[in-house]
Amino acid sequence: MANTRHANVRAQQRGIPPLIDQWLDQFGEEEYTGAGFIKRYFSHRSIRQLEREFGRQPVSLMERYLRAYKLESSTDGTTITTGWLSARIRRK
């Protein structure tokens, strides 16, 4: 997936490594925001998938990064920005 320049700058400023960006693409939950964006984040289900794929120890070493999220354009999949979740995601 392509990133905008803004997304690359924000990831660097916020200390989100490229590996987490890849994991969000492969394992992250998708939530449509209704404003033309898709939010990707790690849920309990996606963390379990990571543990099955890579093992518990590597995932637990990267635990501090599992509160990361990214916003993508729903039209072309370009990453708009990345950041840290500060509140729980509530589903309807």
N, C-alpha and C. Protein backbone atom coordinates (compact mmCIF):
# COMPACT_ATOMS: atom_id res chain seq x y z
N MET A 1 0.83 -1.18 0.00
CA MET A 1 0.00 0.00 0.00
C MET A 1 0.88 1.25 0.00
N ALA A 2 0.41 2.27 -0.65
CA ALA A 2 1.15 3.52 -0.73
C ALA A 2 0.82 4.41 0.47
N ASN A 3 1.79 5.19 0.88
CA ASN A 3 1.60 6.15 1.95
C ASN A 3 1.76 7.56 1.40
N THR A 4 1.00 8.48 1.94
CA THR A 4 1.22 9.88 1.60
C THR A 4 2.45 10.37 2.34
N ARG A 5 2.95 11.50 1.92
CA ARG A 5 4.10 12.09 2.61
C ARG A 5 3.73 12.40 4.06
N HIS A 6 2.51 12.89 4.25
CA HIS A 6 2.02 13.19 5.59
C HIS A 6 2.05 11.95 6.48
N ALA A 7 1.61 10.81 5.95
CA ALA A 7 1.59 9.57 6.72
C ALA A 7 3.00 9.14 7.10
N ASN A 8 3.94 9.28 6.20
CA ASN A 8 5.33 8.92 6.50
C ASN A 8 5.91 9.81 7.59
N VAL A 9 5.64 11.11 7.50
CA VAL A 9 6.13 12.05 8.51
C VAL A 9 5.51 11.74 9.87
N ARG A 10 4.20 11.51 9.91
CA ARG A 10 3.51 11.22 11.17
C ARG A 10 4.00 9.91 11.79
N ALA A 11 4.22 8.89 10.97
CA ALA A 11 4.72 7.62 11.49
C ALA A 11 6.10 7.82 12.13
N GLN A 12 6.94 8.61 11.50
CA GLN A 12 8.27 8.87 12.05
C GLN A 12 8.16 9.70 13.33
N GLN A 13 7.33 10.73 13.33
CA GLN A 13 7.18 11.57 14.52
C GLN A 13 6.61 10.79 15.69
N ARG A 14 5.71 9.87 15.41
CA ARG A 14 5.02 9.12 16.47
C ARG A 14 5.70 7.80 16.80
N GLY A 15 6.79 7.50 16.14
CA GLY A 15 7.57 6.31 16.46
C GLY A 15 6.89 5.00 16.10
N ILE A 16 6.20 4.98 14.98
CA ILE A 16 5.52 3.76 14.54
C ILE A 16 6.37 3.12 13.44
N PRO A 17 6.95 1.94 13.71
CA PRO A 17 7.85 1.33 12.73
C PRO A 17 7.11 0.79 11.51
N PRO A 18 7.82 0.66 10.39
CA PRO A 18 7.20 0.14 9.16
C PRO A 18 6.63 -1.27 9.33
N LEU A 19 7.21 -2.09 10.21
CA LEU A 19 6.68 -3.43 10.44
C LEU A 19 5.25 -3.37 10.96
N ILE A 20 4.94 -2.43 11.82
CA ILE A 20 3.59 -2.28 12.36
C ILE A 20 2.63 -1.87 11.24
N ASP A 21 3.09 -1.03 10.33
CA ASP A 21 2.28 -0.64 9.18
C ASP A 21 1.93 -1.88 8.34
N GLN A 22 2.90 -2.76 8.13
CA GLN A 22 2.66 -3.99 7.38
C GLN A 22 1.70 -4.90 8.13
N TRP A 23 1.89 -5.04 9.44
CA TRP A 23 0.99 -5.87 10.24
C TRP A 23 -0.42 -5.34 10.22
N LEU A 24 -0.58 -4.01 10.24
CA LEU A 24 -1.93 -3.44 10.16
C LEU A 24 -2.58 -3.81 8.84
N ASP A 25 -1.81 -3.78 7.76
CA ASP A 25 -2.36 -4.16 6.45
C ASP A 25 -2.77 -5.62 6.42
N GLN A 26 -1.95 -6.49 7.00
CA GLN A 26 -2.21 -7.93 6.92
C GLN A 26 -3.22 -8.41 7.95
N PHE A 27 -3.15 -7.90 9.18
CA PHE A 27 -3.92 -8.47 10.28
C PHE A 27 -4.91 -7.51 10.92
N GLY A 28 -4.82 -6.23 10.62
CA GLY A 28 -5.65 -5.25 11.31
C GLY A 28 -7.13 -5.34 10.96
N GLU A 29 -7.96 -5.01 11.94
CA GLU A 29 -9.41 -4.92 11.72
C GLU A 29 -9.71 -3.64 10.93
N GLU A 30 -10.71 -3.71 10.09
CA GLU A 30 -11.14 -2.56 9.30
C GLU A 30 -12.43 -2.00 9.85
N GLU A 31 -12.51 -0.69 9.91
CA GLU A 31 -13.75 -0.02 10.31
C GLU A 31 -13.95 1.16 9.37
N TYR A 32 -15.08 1.20 8.69
CA TYR A 32 -15.38 2.31 7.80
C TYR A 32 -15.88 3.48 8.64
N THR A 33 -15.28 4.64 8.44
CA THR A 33 -15.62 5.79 9.28
C THR A 33 -16.82 6.56 8.76
N GLY A 34 -17.21 6.34 7.53
CA GLY A 34 -18.34 7.06 6.96
C GLY A 34 -17.94 8.37 6.31
N ALA A 35 -16.69 8.76 6.47
CA ALA A 35 -16.21 10.00 5.88
C ALA A 35 -15.27 9.71 4.71
N GLY A 36 -15.34 8.51 4.17
CA GLY A 36 -14.48 8.15 3.05
C GLY A 36 -13.16 7.54 3.48
N PHE A 37 -13.06 7.14 4.75
CA PHE A 37 -11.83 6.56 5.26
C PHE A 37 -12.09 5.18 5.85
N ILE A 38 -11.02 4.40 5.92
CA ILE A 38 -11.03 3.12 6.59
C ILE A 38 -10.01 3.20 7.71
N LYS A 39 -10.43 2.88 8.93
CA LYS A 39 -9.51 2.85 10.06
C LYS A 39 -9.08 1.41 10.27
N ARG A 40 -7.77 1.19 10.34
CA ARG A 40 -7.22 -0.13 10.62
C ARG A 40 -6.54 -0.09 11.99
N TYR A 41 -6.83 -1.11 12.80
CA TYR A 41 -6.28 -1.17 14.15
C TYR A 41 -6.20 -2.63 14.56
N PHE A 42 -5.51 -2.89 15.67
CA PHE A 42 -5.38 -4.25 16.18
C PHE A 42 -6.47 -4.51 17.20
N SER A 43 -7.25 -5.55 16.96
CA SER A 43 -8.27 -5.99 17.91
C SER A 43 -7.73 -7.24 18.61
N HIS A 44 -8.49 -7.75 19.56
CA HIS A 44 -8.10 -8.99 20.22
C HIS A 44 -7.98 -10.12 19.20
N ARG A 45 -8.90 -10.16 18.25
CA ARG A 45 -8.88 -11.20 17.23
C ARG A 45 -7.62 -11.09 16.36
N SER A 46 -7.28 -9.89 15.95
CA SER A 46 -6.10 -9.74 15.08
C SER A 46 -4.80 -10.01 15.84
N ILE A 47 -4.77 -9.71 17.14
CA ILE A 47 -3.59 -10.02 17.94
C ILE A 47 -3.43 -11.53 18.07
N ARG A 48 -4.53 -12.26 18.23
CA ARG A 48 -4.46 -13.73 18.27
C ARG A 48 -3.95 -14.28 16.94
N GLN A 49 -4.38 -13.67 15.82
CA GLN A 49 -3.88 -14.10 14.52
C GLN A 49 -2.37 -13.87 14.41
N LEU A 50 -1.90 -12.73 14.91
CA LEU A 50 -0.46 -12.46 14.92
C LEU A 50 0.28 -13.51 15.74
N GLU A 51 -0.27 -13.87 16.90
CA GLU A 51 0.37 -14.87 17.75
C GLU A 51 0.42 -16.23 17.07
N ARG A 52 -0.62 -16.60 16.35
CA ARG A 52 -0.60 -17.87 15.62
C ARG A 52 0.43 -17.84 14.50
N GLU A 53 0.57 -16.70 13.86
CA GLU A 53 1.49 -16.57 12.73
C GLU A 53 2.96 -16.51 13.17
N PHE A 54 3.26 -15.72 14.21
CA PHE A 54 4.65 -15.45 14.58
C PHE A 54 5.05 -16.02 15.94
N GLY A 55 4.09 -16.44 16.76
CA GLY A 55 4.38 -16.92 18.10
C GLY A 55 4.12 -15.82 19.13
N ARG A 56 3.91 -16.25 20.37
CA ARG A 56 3.58 -15.29 21.43
C ARG A 56 4.73 -14.37 21.79
N GLN A 57 5.93 -14.91 21.86
CA GLN A 57 7.05 -14.10 22.32
C GLN A 57 7.35 -12.92 21.39
N PRO A 58 7.46 -13.11 20.08
CA PRO A 58 7.70 -11.95 19.23
C PRO A 58 6.58 -10.91 19.30
N VAL A 59 5.34 -11.36 19.39
CA VAL A 59 4.22 -10.43 19.47
C VAL A 59 4.24 -9.69 20.80
N SER A 60 4.59 -10.39 21.89
CA SER A 60 4.64 -9.71 23.19
C SER A 60 5.77 -8.69 23.24
N LEU A 61 6.85 -8.93 22.50
CA LEU A 61 7.93 -7.94 22.44
C LEU A 61 7.49 -6.68 21.69
N MET A 62 6.54 -6.82 20.78
CA MET A 62 6.05 -5.68 20.01
C MET A 62 4.76 -5.12 20.59
N GLU A 63 4.39 -5.55 21.80
CA GLU A 63 3.11 -5.17 22.40
C GLU A 63 2.90 -3.67 22.50
N ARG A 64 3.96 -2.93 22.75
CA ARG A 64 3.83 -1.47 22.89
C ARG A 64 3.34 -0.79 21.61
N TYR A 65 3.49 -1.46 20.48
CA TYR A 65 3.07 -0.89 19.20
C TYR A 65 1.67 -1.31 18.78
N LEU A 66 1.03 -2.19 19.54
CA LEU A 66 -0.26 -2.73 19.12
C LEU A 66 -1.43 -1.79 19.41
N ARG A 67 -1.17 -0.58 19.88
CA ARG A 67 -2.20 0.45 20.04
C ARG A 67 -2.16 1.44 18.87
N ALA A 68 -1.40 1.09 17.83
CA ALA A 68 -1.30 1.95 16.65
C ALA A 68 -2.51 1.76 15.75
N TYR A 69 -2.80 2.78 14.95
CA TYR A 69 -3.86 2.69 13.95
C TYR A 69 -3.42 3.47 12.73
N LYS A 70 -4.15 3.27 11.65
CA LYS A 70 -3.91 4.08 10.46
C LYS A 70 -5.21 4.34 9.75
N LEU A 71 -5.28 5.47 9.08
CA LEU A 71 -6.44 5.83 8.27
C LEU A 71 -6.05 5.71 6.81
N GLU A 72 -6.89 5.02 6.06
CA GLU A 72 -6.67 4.85 4.63
C GLU A 72 -7.83 5.45 3.86
N SER A 73 -7.56 5.85 2.64
CA SER A 73 -8.60 6.29 1.74
C SER A 73 -9.41 5.07 1.31
N SER A 74 -10.73 5.19 1.32
CA SER A 74 -11.55 4.05 0.91
C SER A 74 -11.59 3.89 -0.61
N THR A 75 -11.15 4.90 -1.35
CA THR A 75 -11.19 4.80 -2.81
C THR A 75 -9.96 4.09 -3.38
N ASP A 76 -8.76 4.46 -2.91
CA ASP A 76 -7.56 3.86 -3.50
C ASP A 76 -6.65 3.16 -2.49
N GLY A 77 -7.00 3.17 -1.20
CA GLY A 77 -6.21 2.46 -0.21
C GLY A 77 -4.95 3.16 0.26
N THR A 78 -4.76 4.41 -0.15
CA THR A 78 -3.59 5.17 0.27
C THR A 78 -3.69 5.50 1.75
N THR A 79 -2.58 5.31 2.48
CA THR A 79 -2.56 5.64 3.90
C THR A 79 -2.49 7.15 4.05
N ILE A 80 -3.45 7.71 4.80
CA ILE A 80 -3.53 9.15 5.01
C ILE A 80 -2.70 9.56 6.23
N THR A 81 -2.86 8.85 7.34
CA THR A 81 -2.12 9.16 8.56
C THR A 81 -2.05 7.93 9.45
N THR A 82 -1.16 7.98 10.42
CA THR A 82 -1.03 6.95 11.43
C THR A 82 -0.99 7.60 12.80
N GLY A 83 -1.35 6.85 13.81
CA GLY A 83 -1.34 7.42 15.15
C GLY A 83 -1.53 6.35 16.20
N TRP A 84 -1.76 6.81 17.44
CA TRP A 84 -1.96 5.93 18.58
C TRP A 84 -3.39 6.05 19.05
N LEU A 85 -4.02 4.92 19.33
CA LEU A 85 -5.36 4.93 19.89
C LEU A 85 -5.29 5.41 21.33
N SER A 86 -6.12 6.39 21.66
CA SER A 86 -6.13 6.90 23.03
C SER A 86 -7.39 6.48 23.77
N ALA A 87 -8.37 5.97 23.05
CA ALA A 87 -9.61 5.53 23.67
C ALA A 87 -10.02 4.19 23.07
N ARG A 88 -10.84 3.50 23.76
CA ARG A 88 -11.34 2.20 23.30
C ARG A 88 -12.24 2.41 22.08
N ILE A 89 -12.14 1.50 21.11
CA ILE A 89 -13.00 1.55 19.94
C ILE A 89 -14.29 0.82 20.27
N ARG A 90 -15.37 1.51 20.18
CA ARG A 90 -16.68 0.91 20.48
C ARG A 90 -17.35 0.55 19.16
N ARG A 91 -17.84 -0.67 19.10
CA ARG A 91 -18.54 -1.13 17.91
C ARG A 91 -20.02 -1.14 18.17
N LYS A 92 -20.77 -0.96 17.10
CA LYS A 92 -22.24 -0.95 17.23
C LYS A 92 -22.80 -2.33 17.22
